[in-house]
Amino acid sequence: MACVAFAVIYAQFSHGVYSPFMSFMFAVPLIGGACLALALYAAKVRPAPRQTRQAWAISLAALTIGSCLVGIFQIAGTASPYVYAYPVIAAAFAVVAIVLWVKHADAA
């Protein structure tokens, strides 16, 4: 909900310029959370440990913040090389979450 509110408020002050990264940044946590829930349901394992959920949440947060920044830079008409770090950080935490989940599933 915060992503949608931020995008709507930012769009009010963007002088009619919009970015798909800003408009659809809400989809990152929505789809990412659904993927984790469906994977856990399909695997029929007990709930994921706290560390797994936190690593996955950090991964989704990094992607969401990166999407927001790319949208801001596109609307402003500029760019930054630092936005490429967000997908790398997100991928690293996603790998950590998957490794922790597999370790947890093997222990069960």
PDB file of N, CA and C in Angstrom:
ATOM      1  N   MET A   1       0.818  -1.188   0.000  1.00  0.00           N
ATOM      2  CA  MET A   1       0.000   0.000   0.000  1.00  0.00           C
ATOM      3  C   MET A   1       0.866   1.259   0.000  1.00  0.00           C
ATOM      4  N   ALA A   2       1.974   1.197   0.714  1.00  0.00           N
ATOM      5  CA  ALA A   2       2.871   2.351   0.765  1.00  0.00           C
ATOM      6  C   ALA A   2       3.457   2.638  -0.612  1.00  0.00           C
ATOM      7  N   CYS A   3       3.745   1.594  -1.383  1.00  0.00           N
ATOM      8  CA  CYS A   3       4.303   1.797  -2.730  1.00  0.00           C
ATOM      9  C   CYS A   3       3.300   2.507  -3.627  1.00  0.00           C
ATOM     10  N   VAL A   4       2.043   2.103  -3.551  1.00  0.00           N
ATOM     11  CA  VAL A   4       1.004   2.735  -4.370  1.00  0.00           C
ATOM     12  C   VAL A   4       0.822   4.189  -3.950  1.00  0.00           C
ATOM     13  N   ALA A   5       0.767   4.442  -2.647  1.00  0.00           N
ATOM     14  CA  ALA A   5       0.605   5.815  -2.166  1.00  0.00           C
ATOM     15  C   ALA A   5       1.780   6.688  -2.594  1.00  0.00           C
ATOM     16  N   PHE A   6       2.994   6.167  -2.473  1.00  0.00           N
ATOM     17  CA  PHE A   6       4.171   6.931  -2.872  1.00  0.00           C
ATOM     18  C   PHE A   6       4.131   7.247  -4.360  1.00  0.00           C
ATOM     19  N   ALA A   7       3.774   6.258  -5.181  1.00  0.00           N
ATOM     20  CA  ALA A   7       3.733   6.460  -6.634  1.00  0.00           C
ATOM     21  C   ALA A   7       2.665   7.475  -7.016  1.00  0.00           C
ATOM     22  N   VAL A   8       1.511   7.421  -6.366  1.00  0.00           N
ATOM     23  CA  VAL A   8       0.438   8.359  -6.684  1.00  0.00           C
ATOM     24  C   VAL A   8       0.833   9.778  -6.286  1.00  0.00           C
ATOM     25  N   ILE A   9       1.379   9.935  -5.100  1.00  0.00           N
ATOM     26  CA  ILE A   9       1.789  11.270  -4.645  1.00  0.00           C
ATOM     27  C   ILE A   9       2.921  11.801  -5.524  1.00  0.00           C
ATOM     28  N   TYR A  10       3.883  10.953  -5.862  1.00  0.00           N
ATOM     29  CA  TYR A  10       4.986  11.406  -6.696  1.00  0.00           C
ATOM     30  C   TYR A  10       4.482  11.781  -8.085  1.00  0.00           C
ATOM     31  N   ALA A  11       3.488  11.049  -8.590  1.00  0.00           N
ATOM     32  CA  ALA A  11       2.951  11.340  -9.921  1.00  0.00           C
ATOM     33  C   ALA A  11       2.260  12.705  -9.948  1.00  0.00           C
ATOM     34  N   GLN A  12       1.720  13.136  -8.826  1.00  0.00           N
ATOM     35  CA  GLN A  12       1.069  14.435  -8.765  1.00  0.00           C
ATOM     36  C   GLN A  12       2.050  15.581  -9.011  1.00  0.00           C
ATOM     37  N   PHE A  13       3.309  15.368  -8.671  1.00  0.00           N
ATOM     38  CA  PHE A  13       4.321  16.417  -8.793  1.00  0.00           C
ATOM     39  C   PHE A  13       5.328  16.165  -9.918  1.00  0.00           C
ATOM     40  N   SER A  14       5.013  15.235 -10.801  1.00  0.00           N
ATOM     41  CA  SER A  14       5.978  14.882 -11.850  1.00  0.00           C
ATOM     42  C   SER A  14       5.697  15.592 -13.171  1.00  0.00           C
ATOM     43  N   HIS A  15       4.765  16.523 -13.187  1.00  0.00           N
ATOM     44  CA  HIS A  15       4.455  17.333 -14.377  1.00  0.00           C
ATOM     45  C   HIS A  15       4.038  16.475 -15.559  1.00  0.00           C
ATOM     46  N   GLY A  16       3.283  15.419 -15.299  1.00  0.00           N
ATOM     47  CA  GLY A  16       2.762  14.578 -16.379  1.00  0.00           C
ATOM     48  C   GLY A  16       3.724  13.541 -16.899  1.00  0.00           C
ATOM     49  N   VAL A  17       4.918  13.490 -16.388  1.00  0.00           N
ATOM     50  CA  VAL A  17       5.891  12.483 -16.801  1.00  0.00           C
ATOM     51  C   VAL A  17       5.764  11.302 -15.846  1.00  0.00           C
ATOM     52  N   TYR A  18       5.761  10.102 -16.384  1.00  0.00           N
ATOM     53  CA  TYR A  18       5.657   8.931 -15.523  1.00  0.00           C
ATOM     54  C   TYR A  18       6.673   7.884 -15.949  1.00  0.00           C
ATOM     55  N   SER A  19       6.892   6.948 -15.080  1.00  0.00           N
ATOM     56  CA  SER A  19       7.819   5.860 -15.346  1.00  0.00           C
ATOM     57  C   SER A  19       7.139   4.547 -14.969  1.00  0.00           C
ATOM     58  N   PRO A  20       7.266   3.534 -15.811  1.00  0.00           N
ATOM     59  CA  PRO A  20       6.697   2.235 -15.445  1.00  0.00           C
ATOM     60  C   PRO A  20       7.357   1.647 -14.192  1.00  0.00           C
ATOM     61  N   PHE A  21       8.616   1.977 -13.962  1.00  0.00           N
ATOM     62  CA  PHE A  21       9.291   1.497 -12.754  1.00  0.00           C
ATOM     63  C   PHE A  21       8.623   2.061 -11.507  1.00  0.00           C
ATOM     64  N   MET A  22       8.175   3.286 -11.582  1.00  0.00           N
ATOM     65  CA  MET A  22       7.497   3.919 -10.451  1.00  0.00           C
ATOM     66  C   MET A  22       6.057   3.420 -10.351  1.00  0.00           C
ATOM     67  N   SER A  23       5.384   3.324 -11.489  1.00  0.00           N
ATOM     68  CA  SER A  23       3.979   2.943 -11.482  1.00  0.00           C
ATOM     69  C   SER A  23       3.751   1.513 -11.008  1.00  0.00           C
ATOM     70  N   PHE A  24       4.661   0.632 -11.341  1.00  0.00           N
ATOM     71  CA  PHE A  24       4.471  -0.784 -11.025  1.00  0.00           C
ATOM     72  C   PHE A  24       5.415  -1.307  -9.952  1.00  0.00           C
ATOM     73  N   MET A  25       5.983  -0.432  -9.154  1.00  0.00           N
ATOM     74  CA  MET A  25       6.886  -0.916  -8.109  1.00  0.00           C
ATOM     75  C   MET A  25       6.142  -1.693  -7.034  1.00  0.00           C
ATOM     76  N   PHE A  26       4.833  -1.494  -6.932  1.00  0.00           N
ATOM     77  CA  PHE A  26       4.046  -2.261  -5.968  1.00  0.00           C
ATOM     78  C   PHE A  26       4.013  -3.749  -6.307  1.00  0.00           C
ATOM     79  N   ALA A  27       4.238  -4.078  -7.578  1.00  0.00           N
ATOM     80  CA  ALA A  27       4.162  -5.474  -8.013  1.00  0.00           C
ATOM     81  C   ALA A  27       5.326  -6.308  -7.484  1.00  0.00           C
ATOM     82  N   VAL A  28       6.450  -5.690  -7.196  1.00  0.00           N
ATOM     83  CA  VAL A  28       7.623  -6.441  -6.734  1.00  0.00           C
ATOM     84  C   VAL A  28       7.336  -7.159  -5.412  1.00  0.00           C
ATOM     85  N   PRO A  29       6.920  -6.466  -4.354  1.00  0.00           N
ATOM     86  CA  PRO A  29       6.633  -7.194  -3.120  1.00  0.00           C
ATOM     87  C   PRO A  29       5.394  -8.086  -3.237  1.00  0.00           C
ATOM     88  N   LEU A  30       4.437  -7.684  -4.056  1.00  0.00           N
ATOM     89  CA  LEU A  30       3.227  -8.479  -4.224  1.00  0.00           C
ATOM     90  C   LEU A  30       3.547  -9.829  -4.867  1.00  0.00           C
ATOM     91  N   ILE A  31       4.248  -9.803  -5.975  1.00  0.00           N
ATOM     92  CA  ILE A  31       4.590 -11.042  -6.678  1.00  0.00           C
ATOM     93  C   ILE A  31       5.633 -11.830  -5.899  1.00  0.00           C
ATOM     94  N   GLY A  32       6.620 -11.138  -5.345  1.00  0.00           N
ATOM     95  CA  GLY A  32       7.658 -11.833  -4.576  1.00  0.00           C
ATOM     96  C   GLY A  32       7.115 -12.522  -3.342  1.00  0.00           C
ATOM     97  N   GLY A  33       6.201 -11.880  -2.652  1.00  0.00           N
ATOM     98  CA  GLY A  33       5.586 -12.502  -1.483  1.00  0.00           C
ATOM     99  C   GLY A  33       4.712 -13.683  -1.868  1.00  0.00           C
ATOM    100  N   ALA A  34       3.997 -13.542  -2.974  1.00  0.00           N
ATOM    101  CA  ALA A  34       3.160 -14.647  -3.444  1.00  0.00           C
ATOM    102  C   ALA A  34       4.015 -15.827  -3.881  1.00  0.00           C
ATOM    103  N   CYS A  35       5.154 -15.562  -4.519  1.00  0.00           N
ATOM    104  CA  CYS A  35       6.044 -16.650  -4.946  1.00  0.00           C
ATOM    105  C   CYS A  35       6.559 -17.436  -3.744  1.00  0.00           C
ATOM    106  N   LEU A  36       6.959 -16.737  -2.699  1.00  0.00           N
ATOM    107  CA  LEU A  36       7.446 -17.422  -1.499  1.00  0.00           C
ATOM    108  C   LEU A  36       6.334 -18.241  -0.864  1.00  0.00           C
ATOM    109  N   ALA A  37       5.157 -17.668  -0.750  1.00  0.00           N
ATOM    110  CA  ALA A  37       4.037 -18.389  -0.136  1.00  0.00           C
ATOM    111  C   ALA A  37       3.659 -19.623  -0.958  1.00  0.00           C
ATOM    112  N   LEU A  38       3.627 -19.484  -2.282  1.00  0.00           N
ATOM    113  CA  LEU A  38       3.292 -20.626  -3.129  1.00  0.00           C
ATOM    114  C   LEU A  38       4.368 -21.702  -3.090  1.00  0.00           C
ATOM    115  N   ALA A  39       5.624 -21.294  -3.029  1.00  0.00           N
ATOM    116  CA  ALA A  39       6.715 -22.276  -2.952  1.00  0.00           C
ATOM    117  C   ALA A  39       6.649 -23.053  -1.650  1.00  0.00           C
ATOM    118  N   LEU A  40       6.389 -22.370  -0.569  1.00  0.00           N
ATOM    119  CA  LEU A  40       6.279 -23.054   0.723  1.00  0.00           C
ATOM    120  C   LEU A  40       5.060 -23.967   0.754  1.00  0.00           C
ATOM    121  N   TYR A  41       3.954 -23.529   0.146  1.00  0.00           N
ATOM    122  CA  TYR A  41       2.760 -24.351   0.115  1.00  0.00           C
ATOM    123  C   TYR A  41       2.970 -25.588  -0.751  1.00  0.00           C
ATOM    124  N   ALA A  42       3.611 -25.404  -1.909  1.00  0.00           N
ATOM    125  CA  ALA A  42       3.848 -26.527  -2.822  1.00  0.00           C
ATOM    126  C   ALA A  42       4.824 -27.539  -2.235  1.00  0.00           C
ATOM    127  N   ALA A  43       5.796 -27.063  -1.482  1.00  0.00           N
ATOM    128  CA  ALA A  43       6.795 -27.962  -0.905  1.00  0.00           C
ATOM    129  C   ALA A  43       6.262 -28.685   0.332  1.00  0.00           C
ATOM    130  N   LYS A  44       5.142 -28.216   0.849  1.00  0.00           N
ATOM    131  CA  LYS A  44       4.512 -28.822   2.020  1.00  0.00           C
ATOM    132  C   LYS A  44       5.491 -28.972   3.190  1.00  0.00           C
ATOM    133  N   VAL A  45       6.237 -27.909   3.423  1.00  0.00           N
ATOM    134  CA  VAL A  45       7.137 -27.892   4.577  1.00  0.00           C
ATOM    135  C   VAL A  45       6.521 -27.002   5.638  1.00  0.00           C
ATOM    136  N   ARG A  46       7.016 -27.150   6.828  1.00  0.00           N
ATOM    137  CA  ARG A  46       6.522 -26.271   7.886  1.00  0.00           C
ATOM    138  C   ARG A  46       6.964 -24.841   7.581  1.00  0.00           C
ATOM    139  N   PRO A  47       6.409 -23.872   8.249  1.00  0.00           N
ATOM    140  CA  PRO A  47       6.735 -22.469   7.920  1.00  0.00           C
ATOM    141  C   PRO A  47       8.244 -22.208   7.902  1.00  0.00           C
ATOM    142  N   ALA A  48       8.628 -21.341   6.993  1.00  0.00           N
ATOM    143  CA  ALA A  48      10.045 -21.013   6.847  1.00  0.00           C
ATOM    144  C   ALA A  48      10.552 -20.341   8.116  1.00  0.00           C
ATOM    145  N   PRO A  49      11.804 -20.587   8.452  1.00  0.00           N
ATOM    146  CA  PRO A  49      12.355 -19.921   9.637  1.00  0.00           C
ATOM    147  C   PRO A  49      12.443 -18.410   9.435  1.00  0.00           C
ATOM    148  N   ARG A  50      12.579 -17.715  10.526  1.00  0.00           N
ATOM    149  CA  ARG A  50      12.595 -16.258  10.516  1.00  0.00           C
ATOM    150  C   ARG A  50      13.708 -15.710   9.636  1.00  0.00           C
ATOM    151  N   GLN A  51      14.884 -16.329   9.660  1.00  0.00           N
ATOM    152  CA  GLN A  51      16.009 -15.838   8.857  1.00  0.00           C
ATOM    153  C   GLN A  51      15.704 -15.937   7.362  1.00  0.00           C
ATOM    154  N   THR A  52      15.008 -16.994   6.953  1.00  0.00           N
ATOM    155  CA  THR A  52      14.651 -17.154   5.547  1.00  0.00           C
ATOM    156  C   THR A  52      13.680 -16.057   5.128  1.00  0.00           C
ATOM    157  N   ARG A  53      12.667 -15.828   5.932  1.00  0.00           N
ATOM    158  CA  ARG A  53      11.683 -14.792   5.607  1.00  0.00           C
ATOM    159  C   ARG A  53      12.329 -13.408   5.587  1.00  0.00           C
ATOM    160  N   GLN A  54      13.242 -13.158   6.517  1.00  0.00           N
ATOM    161  CA  GLN A  54      13.901 -11.852   6.555  1.00  0.00           C
ATOM    162  C   GLN A  54      14.813 -11.647   5.349  1.00  0.00           C
ATOM    163  N   ALA A  55      15.556 -12.677   4.957  1.00  0.00           N
ATOM    164  CA  ALA A  55      16.427 -12.556   3.784  1.00  0.00           C
ATOM    165  C   ALA A  55      15.590 -12.317   2.530  1.00  0.00           C
ATOM    166  N   TRP A  56      14.461 -13.011   2.416  1.00  0.00           N
ATOM    167  CA  TRP A  56      13.580 -12.820   1.260  1.00  0.00           C
ATOM    168  C   TRP A  56      12.990 -11.411   1.275  1.00  0.00           C
ATOM    169  N   ALA A  57      12.605 -10.927   2.453  1.00  0.00           N
ATOM    170  CA  ALA A  57      12.044  -9.576   2.567  1.00  0.00           C
ATOM    171  C   ALA A  57      13.080  -8.515   2.205  1.00  0.00           C
ATOM    172  N   ILE A  58      14.318  -8.719   2.609  1.00  0.00           N
ATOM    173  CA  ILE A  58      15.382  -7.768   2.246  1.00  0.00           C
ATOM    174  C   ILE A  58      15.587  -7.770   0.740  1.00  0.00           C
ATOM    175  N   SER A  59      15.527  -8.939   0.134  1.00  0.00           N
ATOM    176  CA  SER A  59      15.662  -9.039  -1.314  1.00  0.00           C
ATOM    177  C   SER A  59      14.554  -8.255  -2.016  1.00  0.00           C
ATOM    178  N   LEU A  60      13.318  -8.443  -1.563  1.00  0.00           N
ATOM    179  CA  LEU A  60      12.194  -7.717  -2.170  1.00  0.00           C
ATOM    180  C   LEU A  60      12.285  -6.218  -1.903  1.00  0.00           C
ATOM    181  N   ALA A  61      12.736  -5.841  -0.719  1.00  0.00           N
ATOM    182  CA  ALA A  61      12.893  -4.420  -0.405  1.00  0.00           C
ATOM    183  C   ALA A  61      13.950  -3.779  -1.296  1.00  0.00           C
ATOM    184  N   ALA A  62      15.042  -4.481  -1.534  1.00  0.00           N
ATOM    185  CA  ALA A  62      16.091  -3.936  -2.408  1.00  0.00           C
ATOM    186  C   ALA A  62      15.563  -3.743  -3.828  1.00  0.00           C
ATOM    187  N   LEU A  63      14.798  -4.706  -4.324  1.00  0.00           N
ATOM    188  CA  LEU A  63      14.228  -4.557  -5.663  1.00  0.00           C
ATOM    189  C   LEU A  63      13.213  -3.424  -5.718  1.00  0.00           C
ATOM    190  N   THR A  64      12.417  -3.280  -4.680  1.00  0.00           N
ATOM    191  CA  THR A  64      11.406  -2.221  -4.652  1.00  0.00           C
ATOM    192  C   THR A  64      12.061  -0.845  -4.589  1.00  0.00           C
ATOM    193  N   ILE A  65      13.045  -0.692  -3.742  1.00  0.00           N
ATOM    194  CA  ILE A  65      13.751   0.595  -3.639  1.00  0.00           C
ATOM    195  C   ILE A  65      14.492   0.904  -4.936  1.00  0.00           C
ATOM    196  N   GLY A  66      15.113  -0.113  -5.531  1.00  0.00           N
ATOM    197  CA  GLY A  66      15.785   0.087  -6.815  1.00  0.00           C
ATOM    198  C   GLY A  66      14.812   0.516  -7.900  1.00  0.00           C
ATOM    199  N   SER A  67      13.633  -0.094  -7.924  1.00  0.00           N
ATOM    200  CA  SER A  67      12.614   0.278  -8.899  1.00  0.00           C
ATOM    201  C   SER A  67      12.147   1.717  -8.676  1.00  0.00           C
ATOM    202  N   CYS A  68      11.980   2.083  -7.416  1.00  0.00           N
ATOM    203  CA  CYS A  68      11.581   3.446  -7.093  1.00  0.00           C
ATOM    204  C   CYS A  68      12.638   4.459  -7.557  1.00  0.00           C
ATOM    205  N   LEU A  69      13.893   4.161  -7.289  1.00  0.00           N
ATOM    206  CA  LEU A  69      14.964   5.083  -7.690  1.00  0.00           C
ATOM    207  C   LEU A  69      15.084   5.193  -9.205  1.00  0.00           C
ATOM    208  N   VAL A  70      14.953   4.072  -9.910  1.00  0.00           N
ATOM    209  CA  VAL A  70      14.996   4.132 -11.369  1.00  0.00           C
ATOM    210  C   VAL A  70      13.845   4.992 -11.881  1.00  0.00           C
ATOM    211  N   GLY A  71      12.661   4.826 -11.282  1.00  0.00           N
ATOM    212  CA  GLY A  71      11.520   5.654 -11.675  1.00  0.00           C
ATOM    213  C   GLY A  71      11.765   7.125 -11.421  1.00  0.00           C
ATOM    214  N   ILE A  72      12.329   7.448 -10.266  1.00  0.00           N
ATOM    215  CA  ILE A  72      12.635   8.847  -9.949  1.00  0.00           C
ATOM    216  C   ILE A  72      13.645   9.405 -10.939  1.00  0.00           C
ATOM    217  N   PHE A  73      14.676   8.638 -11.238  1.00  0.00           N
ATOM    218  CA  PHE A  73      15.687   9.120 -12.185  1.00  0.00           C
ATOM    219  C   PHE A  73      15.113   9.283 -13.587  1.00  0.00           C
ATOM    220  N   GLN A  74      14.224   8.362 -13.995  1.00  0.00           N
ATOM    221  CA  GLN A  74      13.614   8.509 -15.313  1.00  0.00           C
ATOM    222  C   GLN A  74      12.727   9.744 -15.380  1.00  0.00           C
ATOM    223  N   ILE A  75      11.952   9.970 -14.339  1.00  0.00           N
ATOM    224  CA  ILE A  75      11.081  11.147 -14.320  1.00  0.00           C
ATOM    225  C   ILE A  75      11.916  12.427 -14.302  1.00  0.00           C
ATOM    226  N   ALA A  76      13.026  12.396 -13.572  1.00  0.00           N
ATOM    227  CA  ALA A  76      13.888  13.580 -13.509  1.00  0.00           C
ATOM    228  C   ALA A  76      14.720  13.757 -14.776  1.00  0.00           C
ATOM    229  N   GLY A  77      14.792  12.724 -15.604  1.00  0.00           N
ATOM    230  CA  GLY A  77      15.548  12.828 -16.842  1.00  0.00           C
ATOM    231  C   GLY A  77      17.034  12.648 -16.648  1.00  0.00           C
ATOM    232  N   THR A  78      17.420  11.895 -15.650  1.00  0.00           N
ATOM    233  CA  THR A  78      18.833  11.657 -15.380  1.00  0.00           C
ATOM    234  C   THR A  78      19.040  10.174 -15.129  1.00  0.00           C
ATOM    235  N   ALA A  79      20.239   9.799 -14.806  1.00  0.00           N
ATOM    236  CA  ALA A  79      20.556   8.388 -14.534  1.00  0.00           C
ATOM    237  C   ALA A  79      21.631   8.321 -13.465  1.00  0.00           C
ATOM    238  N   SER A  80      21.814   7.132 -12.946  1.00  0.00           N
ATOM    239  CA  SER A  80      22.852   6.911 -11.940  1.00  0.00           C
ATOM    240  C   SER A  80      23.377   5.494 -12.096  1.00  0.00           C
ATOM    241  N   PRO A  81      24.682   5.331 -12.020  1.00  0.00           N
ATOM    242  CA  PRO A  81      25.221   3.970 -12.124  1.00  0.00           C
ATOM    243  C   PRO A  81      24.962   3.136 -10.870  1.00  0.00           C
ATOM    244  N   TYR A  82      24.547   3.772  -9.794  1.00  0.00           N
ATOM    245  CA  TYR A  82      24.356   3.059  -8.532  1.00  0.00           C
ATOM    246  C   TYR A  82      23.088   2.218  -8.505  1.00  0.00           C
ATOM    247  N   VAL A  83      22.148   2.471  -9.401  1.00  0.00           N
ATOM    248  CA  VAL A  83      20.914   1.692  -9.389  1.00  0.00           C
ATOM    249  C   VAL A  83      21.160   0.241  -9.801  1.00  0.00           C
ATOM    250  N   TYR A  84      22.290  -0.031 -10.419  1.00  0.00           N
ATOM    251  CA  TYR A  84      22.592  -1.413 -10.813  1.00  0.00           C
ATOM    252  C   TYR A  84      23.013  -2.259  -9.623  1.00  0.00           C
ATOM    253  N   ALA A  85      23.304  -1.639  -8.505  1.00  0.00           N
ATOM    254  CA  ALA A  85      23.672  -2.397  -7.309  1.00  0.00           C
ATOM    255  C   ALA A  85      22.456  -3.058  -6.671  1.00  0.00           C
ATOM    256  N   TYR A  86      21.287  -2.474  -6.823  1.00  0.00           N
ATOM    257  CA  TYR A  86      20.096  -3.007  -6.161  1.00  0.00           C
ATOM    258  C   TYR A  86      19.719  -4.410  -6.640  1.00  0.00           C
ATOM    259  N   PRO A  87      19.700  -4.702  -7.936  1.00  0.00           N
ATOM    260  CA  PRO A  87      19.398  -6.076  -8.347  1.00  0.00           C
ATOM    261  C   PRO A  87      20.454  -7.076  -7.880  1.00  0.00           C
ATOM    262  N   VAL A  88      21.701  -6.645  -7.811  1.00  0.00           N
ATOM    263  CA  VAL A  88      22.766  -7.536  -7.340  1.00  0.00           C
ATOM    264  C   VAL A  88      22.566  -7.863  -5.862  1.00  0.00           C
ATOM    265  N   ILE A  89      22.272  -6.845  -5.074  1.00  0.00           N
ATOM    266  CA  ILE A  89      22.017  -7.057  -3.652  1.00  0.00           C
ATOM    267  C   ILE A  89      20.780  -7.930  -3.467  1.00  0.00           C
ATOM    268  N   ALA A  90      19.743  -7.669  -4.251  1.00  0.00           N
ATOM    269  CA  ALA A  90      18.519  -8.461  -4.156  1.00  0.00           C
ATOM    270  C   ALA A  90      18.780  -9.920  -4.520  1.00  0.00           C
ATOM    271  N   ALA A  91      19.557 -10.146  -5.558  1.00  0.00           N
ATOM    272  CA  ALA A  91      19.869 -11.523  -5.959  1.00  0.00           C
ATOM    273  C   ALA A  91      20.683 -12.229  -4.874  1.00  0.00           C
ATOM    274  N   ALA A  92      21.606 -11.524  -4.260  1.00  0.00           N
ATOM    275  CA  ALA A  92      22.419 -12.129  -3.205  1.00  0.00           C
ATOM    276  C   ALA A  92      21.551 -12.548  -2.023  1.00  0.00           C
ATOM    277  N   PHE A  93      20.642 -11.682  -1.607  1.00  0.00           N
ATOM    278  CA  PHE A  93      19.768 -12.037  -0.487  1.00  0.00           C
ATOM    279  C   PHE A  93      18.761 -13.108  -0.878  1.00  0.00           C
ATOM    280  N   ALA A  94      18.334 -13.134  -2.135  1.00  0.00           N
ATOM    281  CA  ALA A  94      17.434 -14.199  -2.586  1.00  0.00           C
ATOM    282  C   ALA A  94      18.147 -15.548  -2.539  1.00  0.00           C
ATOM    283  N   VAL A  95      19.408 -15.572  -2.932  1.00  0.00           N
ATOM    284  CA  VAL A  95      20.183 -16.812  -2.862  1.00  0.00           C
ATOM    285  C   VAL A  95      20.345 -17.254  -1.407  1.00  0.00           C
ATOM    286  N   VAL A  96      20.623 -16.302  -0.528  1.00  0.00           N
ATOM    287  CA  VAL A  96      20.738 -16.626   0.900  1.00  0.00           C
ATOM    288  C   VAL A  96      19.425 -17.203   1.413  1.00  0.00           C
ATOM    289  N   ALA A  97      18.309 -16.603   1.037  1.00  0.00           N
ATOM    290  CA  ALA A  97      17.002 -17.099   1.479  1.00  0.00           C
ATOM    291  C   ALA A  97      16.744 -18.508   0.962  1.00  0.00           C
ATOM    292  N   ILE A  98      17.078 -18.758  -0.290  1.00  0.00           N
ATOM    293  CA  ILE A  98      16.853 -20.089  -0.869  1.00  0.00           C
ATOM    294  C   ILE A  98      17.741 -21.120  -0.195  1.00  0.00           C
ATOM    295  N   VAL A  99      18.992 -20.769   0.057  1.00  0.00           N
ATOM    296  CA  VAL A  99      19.900 -21.701   0.740  1.00  0.00           C
ATOM    297  C   VAL A  99      19.394 -22.002   2.140  1.00  0.00           C
ATOM    298  N   LEU A 100      18.958 -20.985   2.863  1.00  0.00           N
ATOM    299  CA  LEU A 100      18.418 -21.204   4.204  1.00  0.00           C
ATOM    300  C   LEU A 100      17.155 -22.056   4.162  1.00  0.00           C
ATOM    301  N   TRP A 101      16.329 -21.852   3.156  1.00  0.00           N
ATOM    302  CA  TRP A 101      15.096 -22.623   3.033  1.00  0.00           C
ATOM    303  C   TRP A 101      15.393 -24.075   2.730  1.00  0.00           C
ATOM    304  N   VAL A 102      16.334 -24.319   1.813  1.00  0.00           N
ATOM    305  CA  VAL A 102      16.710 -25.708   1.491  1.00  0.00           C
ATOM    306  C   VAL A 102      17.320 -26.384   2.711  1.00  0.00           C
ATOM    307  N   LYS A 103      18.158 -25.665   3.419  1.00  0.00           N
ATOM    308  CA  LYS A 103      18.755 -26.208   4.645  1.00  0.00           C
ATOM    309  C   LYS A 103      17.668 -26.547   5.663  1.00  0.00           C
ATOM    310  N   HIS A 104      16.681 -25.684   5.784  1.00  0.00           N
ATOM    311  CA  HIS A 104      15.563 -25.899   6.696  1.00  0.00           C
ATOM    312  C   HIS A 104      14.717 -27.096   6.246  1.00  0.00           C
ATOM    313  N   ALA A 105      14.472 -27.202   4.939  1.00  0.00           N
ATOM    314  CA  ALA A 105      13.647 -28.300   4.425  1.00  0.00           C
ATOM    315  C   ALA A 105      14.350 -29.649   4.594  1.00  0.00           C
ATOM    316  N   ASP A 106      15.681 -29.666   4.453  1.00  0.00           N
ATOM    317  CA  ASP A 106      16.424 -30.910   4.640  1.00  0.00           C
ATOM    318  C   ASP A 106      16.432 -31.349   6.098  1.00  0.00           C
ATOM    319  N   ALA A 107      16.404 -30.391   6.994  1.00  0.00           N
ATOM    320  CA  ALA A 107      16.420 -30.715   8.423  1.00  0.00           C
ATOM    321  C   ALA A 107      15.074 -31.241   8.892  1.00  0.00           C
ATOM    322  N   ALA A 108      14.032 -30.950   8.129  1.00  0.00           N
ATOM    323  CA  ALA A 108      12.677 -31.371   8.552  1.00  0.00           C
ATOM    324  C   ALA A 108      12.390 -32.817   8.284  1.00  0.00           C
TER     325      ALA A 108
END
